[in-house]
Amino acid sequence: MKELRVIISGGGTGGHIFPAVSIANAIRELRPDANILFIGALGRMEMQRVPQAGYNIKGLPIRGFLRPLWKPANIGVALDYLKSKRLAKQILRDFGPQVAVGVGGYASSAALGAANSLGIPTLIQEQNSYAGLANKNLASKASKICVAYEGMERFFPADRIMMTGNPVRQSLLNTTISREEALNTFGLKADRKTVLLVGGSLGARTINESVLSHLKEIAESGLQFIWQTGKFYSEQIAAELKEKGQPENLRVMDFISDMGAAYRAADLVISRAGASSISEFCLIGKPVILVPSPNVAEDHQTKNALALVNKDAALYVKDGEAKEQLIPLAIKTVGDDALLKSLSENVLKLGLPDSARIIAQEVLKLAKAE
């Protein structure tokens, strides 16, 4: 059997990286001999996370254009893009893949653009309900477009769209830890309700400010809280907590490595509305309050959130109102068992399981290597 060689490209945030690694893992399950090479952007998160997951990665000097577009610095950005396209083409020639997969992000535009010019079949995976710029630009030449939301023919050729859902971290679905064991790993009590606060892989200033503004309410709530601040904010938050006093029922960490345990411990999650996070909540049936980030293209996180809210599968708070409303709403919600049960049941109905395996099967078809 001919060796299967696959390029996977994209990144920038955990929301692009987790699906990419999940697809790679699923390809390896179907074809253990597969040779998979990632292409990412130098200096971005994928350059660390992909090797940690056991895969090789090549970096491109690609970055995003600055707003407004007429900034002089964009001349350098444009030159780096052209250099990245040349580098990507050379990487593909040297590696010789039968198929290339793009998950969005700067690097995928150069890598899959190069694949198109070399006649290599491409598959793109769009996580959000509002398509990203890289994927929109690549769609006309893609052989298959895997999506997680209905109505994506607004952005992509309808005859190539396939509804697969978003691949999620396999470790979350495979965790066998009990709620009590999970709480124990965080030094928390089994007889108290628990709220988990996560601002995504990079943290979220708004969620962090919401906590710091309501330390008294948290201390008096009778609940317990697990708070992932993000590494960027950790020093400043540690200083503030030292000054204001840290409630004994608040566990603070800059990064949670075992999100499976954190989700298992939580009765309610507070999160940004990134597509990967939402897909995780749908598959594990976790009640959630979403705080969409306003700092994303086309406000796509609000669109992601409303796809759940409109089906009574989540609650949401606008970013600008979160500092005042978020923690009081969380304390009220976690005390309402009927609401928690309803949110959990409704969000489970929206889950699309086996996404990574379904996408991996399509990758093998395109590579003619089933």
Protein backbone atom coordinates (compact mmCIF):
# COMPACT_ATOMS: atom_id res chain seq x y z
CA MET A 1 0.00 0.00 0.00
CA LYS A 2 1.35 3.42 -0.95
CA GLU A 3 2.38 5.59 2.02
CA LEU A 4 -0.31 8.13 2.93
CA ARG A 5 1.06 11.67 3.23
CA VAL A 6 -1.19 14.44 4.56
CA ILE A 7 -0.64 18.16 5.11
CA ILE A 8 -2.75 19.85 7.83
CA SER A 9 -2.53 23.62 8.11
CA GLY A 10 -3.98 26.37 10.29
CA GLY A 11 -3.83 27.66 13.83
CA GLY A 12 -3.42 30.91 15.74
CA THR A 13 -5.76 29.89 18.57
CA GLY A 14 -6.78 26.72 20.35
CA GLY A 15 -10.03 26.90 18.40
CA HIS A 16 -8.13 26.06 15.21
CA ILE A 17 -5.45 23.81 16.73
CA PHE A 18 -7.65 21.37 18.69
CA PRO A 19 -9.75 20.37 15.64
CA ALA A 20 -6.59 20.06 13.52
CA VAL A 21 -4.95 17.68 16.01
CA SER A 22 -8.21 15.72 16.41
CA ILE A 23 -8.40 15.22 12.63
CA ALA A 24 -4.76 14.08 12.59
CA ASN A 25 -5.43 11.61 15.43
CA ALA A 26 -8.47 10.23 13.58
CA ILE A 27 -6.44 9.79 10.36
CA ARG A 28 -3.83 7.89 12.38
CA GLU A 29 -6.54 5.63 13.83
CA LEU A 30 -7.72 4.74 10.33
CA ARG A 31 -4.23 4.58 8.83
CA PRO A 32 -1.53 4.11 11.53
CA ASP A 33 1.14 4.38 8.82
CA ALA A 34 0.03 7.90 7.79
CA ASN A 35 2.79 10.51 7.55
CA ILE A 36 1.22 13.79 8.69
CA LEU A 37 2.95 17.17 8.51
CA PHE A 38 1.49 20.38 9.92
CA ILE A 39 2.14 23.86 8.54
CA GLY A 40 1.65 26.75 10.97
CA ALA A 41 2.55 30.40 11.51
CA LEU A 42 5.86 31.17 13.22
CA GLY A 43 5.42 32.58 16.72
CA ARG A 44 1.85 31.31 17.08
CA MET A 45 0.50 28.74 19.51
CA GLU A 46 0.52 25.83 17.04
CA MET A 47 4.34 25.82 16.94
CA GLN A 48 4.28 24.51 20.54
CA ARG A 49 0.99 22.63 20.77
CA VAL A 50 1.35 20.50 17.62
CA PRO A 51 4.74 18.98 18.61
CA GLN A 52 3.30 18.38 22.11
CA ALA A 53 0.59 16.30 20.40
CA GLY A 54 3.27 14.22 18.65
CA TYR A 55 3.32 15.73 15.15
CA ASN A 56 5.95 17.55 13.09
CA ILE A 57 5.27 21.14 12.05
CA LYS A 58 6.89 23.65 9.69
CA GLY A 59 6.44 27.37 10.35
CA LEU A 60 5.75 30.17 7.88
CA PRO A 61 6.52 33.89 8.53
CA ILE A 62 2.88 34.73 7.82
CA ARG A 63 0.80 37.19 9.88
CA GLY A 64 -2.42 39.12 9.65
CA PHE A 65 -2.87 42.47 7.96
CA LEU A 66 -3.20 45.42 10.30
CA ARG A 67 -6.27 47.66 10.31
CA PRO A 68 -6.64 50.06 8.58
CA LEU A 69 -5.13 48.36 5.54
CA TRP A 70 -3.19 51.46 4.40
CA LYS A 71 -0.83 51.29 7.41
CA PRO A 72 2.78 51.32 6.10
CA ALA A 73 3.60 48.23 8.19
CA ASN A 74 1.31 46.19 5.92
CA ILE A 75 3.98 46.36 3.19
CA GLY A 76 6.06 44.04 5.38
CA VAL A 77 3.01 41.84 6.04
CA ALA A 78 2.40 41.52 2.28
CA LEU A 79 6.04 40.62 1.62
CA ASP A 80 5.90 37.97 4.37
CA TYR A 81 2.74 36.55 2.77
CA LEU A 82 4.45 36.21 -0.62
CA LYS A 83 7.48 34.62 1.06
CA SER A 84 5.16 32.23 2.93
CA LYS A 85 3.47 31.15 -0.30
CA ARG A 86 6.86 30.34 -1.84
CA LEU A 87 7.96 28.46 1.29
CA ALA A 88 4.67 26.54 1.46
CA LYS A 89 5.03 25.47 -2.18
CA GLN A 90 8.57 24.22 -1.48
CA ILE A 91 7.43 22.31 1.65
CA LEU A 92 4.67 20.61 -0.36
CA ARG A 93 7.03 19.71 -3.21
CA ASP A 94 9.52 18.19 -0.74
CA PHE A 95 6.87 16.34 1.30
CA GLY A 96 4.70 15.12 -1.60
CA PRO A 97 1.25 14.93 0.05
CA GLN A 98 -1.76 13.33 -1.65
CA VAL A 99 -4.13 15.72 0.17
CA ALA A 100 -4.04 18.98 2.18
CA VAL A 101 -6.41 19.94 5.00
CA GLY A 102 -7.05 23.53 6.15
CA VAL A 103 -8.73 24.46 9.43
CA GLY A 104 -8.56 28.26 9.16
CA GLY A 105 -5.97 30.76 10.32
CA TYR A 106 -3.19 32.63 8.54
CA ALA A 107 -1.01 29.66 7.63
CA SER A 108 -3.80 27.72 5.91
CA SER A 109 -4.30 30.44 3.30
CA ALA A 110 -0.69 30.07 2.12
CA ALA A 111 -0.46 26.30 2.51
CA LEU A 112 -3.73 25.42 0.79
CA GLY A 113 -3.21 28.11 -1.82
CA ALA A 114 0.07 26.36 -2.65
CA ALA A 115 -1.69 22.97 -2.69
CA ASN A 116 -4.27 24.31 -5.17
CA SER A 117 -1.54 25.63 -7.47
CA LEU A 118 0.18 22.21 -7.40
CA GLY A 119 -3.04 20.31 -8.15
CA ILE A 120 -3.21 18.64 -4.71
CA PRO A 121 -6.83 17.97 -3.54
CA THR A 122 -7.86 20.10 -0.55
CA LEU A 123 -10.40 19.79 2.25
CA ILE A 124 -11.31 22.74 4.46
CA GLN A 125 -12.96 22.55 7.86
CA GLU A 126 -14.90 25.64 9.00
CA GLN A 127 -15.63 25.68 12.74
CA ASN A 128 -17.79 28.80 12.97
CA SER A 129 -21.29 29.78 11.91
CA TYR A 130 -19.73 32.73 10.07
CA ALA A 131 -16.97 31.58 7.74
CA GLY A 132 -13.43 32.90 8.26
CA LEU A 133 -11.62 34.87 5.56
CA ALA A 134 -9.02 32.17 4.82
CA ASN A 135 -11.66 29.50 4.26
CA LYS A 136 -13.88 31.79 2.18
CA ASN A 137 -10.96 32.53 -0.13
CA LEU A 138 -9.99 28.86 -0.42
CA ALA A 139 -13.51 27.45 -0.89
CA SER A 140 -13.82 27.85 -4.66
CA LYS A 141 -11.00 25.34 -5.25
CA ALA A 142 -11.67 23.01 -2.29
CA SER A 143 -12.83 19.47 -3.06
CA LYS A 144 -14.77 19.16 0.22
CA ILE A 145 -15.92 21.71 2.83
CA CYS A 146 -16.76 20.33 6.28
CA VAL A 147 -18.99 22.56 8.42
CA ALA A 148 -20.65 22.57 11.85
CA TYR A 149 -23.61 24.88 11.27
CA GLU A 150 -26.57 24.97 8.92
CA GLY A 151 -26.87 27.66 6.24
CA MET A 152 -23.19 27.69 5.25
CA GLU A 153 -24.07 27.79 1.55
CA ARG A 154 -24.08 31.58 2.12
CA PHE A 155 -20.28 31.32 2.03
CA PHE A 156 -19.42 28.11 0.20
CA PRO A 157 -20.44 26.15 -2.93
CA ALA A 158 -23.44 24.08 -1.75
CA ASP A 159 -22.51 20.94 -3.69
CA ARG A 160 -19.22 20.55 -1.76
CA ILE A 161 -20.52 21.23 1.77
CA MET A 162 -20.70 18.36 4.25
CA MET A 163 -22.23 18.73 7.72
CA THR A 164 -19.76 17.03 10.06
CA GLY A 165 -19.68 19.11 13.23
CA ASN A 166 -16.44 20.22 14.85
CA PRO A 167 -13.81 17.73 16.00
CA VAL A 168 -13.07 18.13 19.69
CA ARG A 169 -10.22 17.06 21.94
CA GLN A 170 -10.49 13.28 22.27
CA SER A 171 -9.23 13.51 25.87
CA LEU A 172 -12.45 15.30 26.88
CA LEU A 173 -14.69 12.54 25.56
CA ASN A 174 -12.50 9.68 26.77
CA THR A 175 -12.08 10.85 30.37
CA THR A 176 -13.19 8.23 32.91
CA ILE A 177 -12.65 10.37 36.01
CA SER A 178 -15.65 10.69 38.38
CA ARG A 179 -17.03 14.03 39.56
CA GLU A 180 -15.65 13.41 43.07
CA GLU A 181 -12.19 12.52 41.72
CA ALA A 182 -12.24 15.58 39.47
CA LEU A 183 -13.15 17.89 42.35
CA ASN A 184 -10.44 16.30 44.46
CA THR A 185 -7.77 17.16 41.86
CA PHE A 186 -8.68 20.84 42.35
CA GLY A 187 -8.86 20.50 46.15
CA LEU A 188 -12.63 21.14 46.14
CA LYS A 189 -15.55 19.67 48.09
CA ALA A 190 -18.02 17.13 46.68
CA ASP A 191 -21.03 18.63 48.51
CA ARG A 192 -20.79 22.08 46.86
CA LYS A 193 -21.89 23.21 43.40
CA THR A 194 -18.99 24.27 41.19
CA VAL A 195 -18.65 26.98 38.52
CA LEU A 196 -15.82 26.77 35.95
CA LEU A 197 -14.64 30.01 34.30
CA VAL A 198 -12.54 29.72 31.12
CA GLY A 199 -11.70 32.52 28.72
CA GLY A 200 -10.36 30.29 25.97
CA SER A 201 -6.78 29.20 25.40
CA LEU A 202 -5.48 32.78 25.74
CA GLY A 203 -7.74 33.89 28.61
CA ALA A 204 -10.33 36.67 28.47
CA ARG A 205 -10.03 40.09 30.10
CA THR A 206 -13.81 40.54 30.39
CA ILE A 207 -14.36 37.27 32.27
CA ASN A 208 -11.38 38.03 34.52
CA GLU A 209 -12.69 41.53 35.31
CA SER A 210 -16.11 40.06 36.09
CA VAL A 211 -14.57 37.83 38.76
CA LEU A 212 -12.42 40.58 40.28
CA SER A 213 -15.50 42.85 40.49
CA HIS A 214 -17.50 40.28 42.49
CA LEU A 215 -15.06 38.68 44.93
CA LYS A 216 -17.40 39.43 47.86
CA GLU A 217 -20.37 37.73 46.16
CA ILE A 218 -18.19 34.74 45.26
CA ALA A 219 -16.95 34.42 48.86
CA GLU A 220 -20.52 34.53 50.22
CA SER A 221 -22.15 32.33 47.53
CA GLY A 222 -21.78 28.93 49.18
CA LEU A 223 -20.43 27.70 45.81
CA GLN A 224 -16.91 26.94 44.63
CA PHE A 225 -15.18 28.34 41.56
CA ILE A 226 -12.39 27.14 39.26
CA TRP A 227 -10.91 30.08 37.33
CA GLN A 228 -8.54 29.80 34.36
CA THR A 229 -7.15 33.30 33.90
CA GLY A 230 -4.85 32.78 30.91
CA LYS A 231 -1.05 33.17 31.27
CA PHE A 232 -1.12 36.73 29.91
CA TYR A 233 -3.23 37.99 32.84
CA SER A 234 -1.91 35.80 35.66
CA GLU A 235 0.63 38.17 37.26
CA GLN A 236 -1.75 41.13 37.32
CA ILE A 237 -4.54 38.97 38.79
CA ALA A 238 -2.24 37.50 41.45
CA ALA A 239 -1.31 41.05 42.50
CA GLU A 240 -4.97 42.13 42.70
CA LEU A 241 -5.98 39.06 44.70
CA LYS A 242 -3.11 39.68 47.12
CA GLU A 243 -4.39 43.21 47.64
CA LYS A 244 -8.13 42.43 47.80
CA GLY A 245 -7.96 38.97 49.39
CA GLN A 246 -8.66 35.69 47.61
CA PRO A 247 -11.86 33.87 48.67
CA GLU A 248 -11.17 30.36 50.02
CA ASN A 249 -13.72 28.93 47.56
CA LEU A 250 -11.90 30.30 44.47
CA ARG A 251 -9.25 28.14 42.75
CA VAL A 252 -7.09 30.26 40.41
CA MET A 253 -4.76 28.94 37.69
CA ASP A 254 -3.33 30.44 34.52
CA PHE A 255 -3.88 27.28 32.45
CA ILE A 256 -5.80 24.05 33.06
CA SER A 257 -4.02 21.15 31.38
CA ASP A 258 -6.75 18.58 32.11
CA MET A 259 -9.95 20.17 30.79
CA GLY A 260 -11.68 16.77 30.97
CA ALA A 261 -11.38 16.87 34.77
CA ALA A 262 -12.37 20.56 34.90
CA TYR A 263 -15.55 19.96 32.88
CA ARG A 264 -16.40 16.86 34.95
CA ALA A 265 -16.04 18.89 38.17
CA ALA A 266 -18.27 21.75 36.95
CA ASP A 267 -22.03 22.10 37.35
CA LEU A 268 -21.93 25.24 35.18
CA VAL A 269 -19.33 26.63 32.78
CA ILE A 270 -18.70 30.27 31.86
CA SER A 271 -16.89 30.55 28.53
CA ARG A 272 -16.22 32.56 25.41
CA ALA A 273 -18.24 31.37 22.41
CA GLY A 274 -15.49 29.92 20.24
CA ALA A 275 -16.73 27.18 17.93
CA SER A 276 -14.53 24.44 19.42
CA SER A 277 -15.66 25.21 22.96
CA ILE A 278 -19.31 25.18 21.91
CA SER A 279 -18.86 21.81 20.19
CA GLU A 280 -17.36 20.43 23.40
CA PHE A 281 -20.34 21.60 25.48
CA CYS A 282 -22.74 20.00 22.99
CA LEU A 283 -20.99 16.63 23.22
CA ILE A 284 -20.56 16.51 27.00
CA GLY A 285 -23.94 18.13 27.74
CA LYS A 286 -22.57 20.87 29.97
CA PRO A 287 -24.77 23.87 31.00
CA VAL A 288 -23.00 27.04 29.95
CA ILE A 289 -23.19 30.83 30.07
CA LEU A 290 -21.51 32.20 26.94
CA VAL A 291 -19.75 35.59 26.79
CA PRO A 292 -19.01 36.14 23.07
CA SER A 293 -15.78 37.97 22.33
CA PRO A 294 -16.38 41.20 20.39
CA ASN A 295 -12.79 41.14 19.08
CA VAL A 296 -13.34 38.61 16.30
CA ALA A 297 -14.14 38.91 12.59
CA GLU A 298 -17.77 39.64 11.74
CA ASP A 299 -18.74 39.16 15.43
CA HIS A 300 -18.90 35.42 14.70
CA GLN A 301 -18.82 34.41 18.39
CA THR A 302 -22.18 36.13 18.98
CA LYS A 303 -23.59 34.19 16.01
CA ASN A 304 -22.16 30.96 17.46
CA ALA A 305 -23.74 31.73 20.86
CA LEU A 306 -27.15 32.60 19.45
CA ALA A 307 -27.26 29.29 17.55
CA LEU A 308 -27.47 27.69 21.04
CA VAL A 309 -29.43 30.39 22.85
CA ASN A 310 -32.21 30.29 20.25
CA LYS A 311 -32.68 26.58 21.02
CA ASP A 312 -32.68 27.10 24.83
CA ALA A 313 -29.35 25.26 24.97
CA ALA A 314 -27.27 28.03 26.60
CA LEU A 315 -27.49 31.41 28.31
CA TYR A 316 -25.46 34.39 27.16
CA VAL A 317 -24.26 37.75 28.42
CA LYS A 318 -22.97 40.51 26.14
CA ASP A 319 -19.31 41.35 26.63
CA GLY A 320 -20.09 44.96 27.59
CA GLU A 321 -22.57 43.86 30.28
CA ALA A 322 -20.55 40.97 31.71
CA LYS A 323 -18.63 42.89 34.38
CA GLU A 324 -21.91 43.72 36.14
CA GLN A 325 -24.17 40.79 35.22
CA LEU A 326 -22.07 37.65 34.71
CA ILE A 327 -21.23 36.48 38.24
CA PRO A 328 -24.71 37.29 39.70
CA LEU A 329 -26.30 35.36 36.80
CA ALA A 330 -23.95 32.40 37.35
CA ILE A 331 -24.75 32.25 41.08
CA LYS A 332 -28.49 32.40 40.33
CA THR A 333 -28.30 29.82 37.51
CA VAL A 334 -26.28 27.20 39.35
CA GLY A 335 -28.87 27.26 42.14
CA ASP A 336 -31.69 26.38 39.69
CA ASP A 337 -31.52 22.60 39.21
CA ALA A 338 -34.43 22.54 36.73
CA LEU A 339 -32.72 25.12 34.51
CA LEU A 340 -29.37 23.28 34.65
CA LYS A 341 -31.11 20.03 33.65
CA SER A 342 -32.96 21.72 30.78
CA LEU A 343 -29.80 23.42 29.44
CA SER A 344 -27.90 20.13 29.61
CA GLU A 345 -30.61 18.15 27.78
CA ASN A 346 -31.03 20.80 25.07
CA VAL A 347 -27.32 21.28 24.39
CA LEU A 348 -26.80 17.50 24.07
CA LYS A 349 -29.37 17.45 21.24
CA LEU A 350 -27.09 19.72 19.18
CA GLY A 351 -23.98 17.54 19.43
CA LEU A 352 -22.59 15.88 16.30
CA PRO A 353 -20.42 12.95 17.45
CA ASP A 354 -17.57 11.31 15.52
CA SER A 355 -16.76 14.52 13.61
CA ALA A 356 -13.02 13.84 13.47
CA ARG A 357 -13.48 10.30 12.15
CA ILE A 358 -16.00 11.41 9.50
CA ILE A 359 -13.61 14.15 8.30
CA ALA A 360 -10.67 11.71 8.36
CA GLN A 361 -12.63 9.32 6.12
CA GLU A 362 -13.19 12.16 3.63
CA VAL A 363 -9.46 12.97 3.73
CA LEU A 364 -8.67 9.34 2.84
CA LYS A 365 -11.18 9.41 -0.02
CA LEU A 366 -9.56 12.53 -1.47
CA ALA A 367 -6.14 10.92 -1.10
CA LYS A 368 -7.58 7.78 -2.75
CA ALA A 369 -6.17 5.84 0.21
CA GLU A 370 -9.17 4.29 1.96
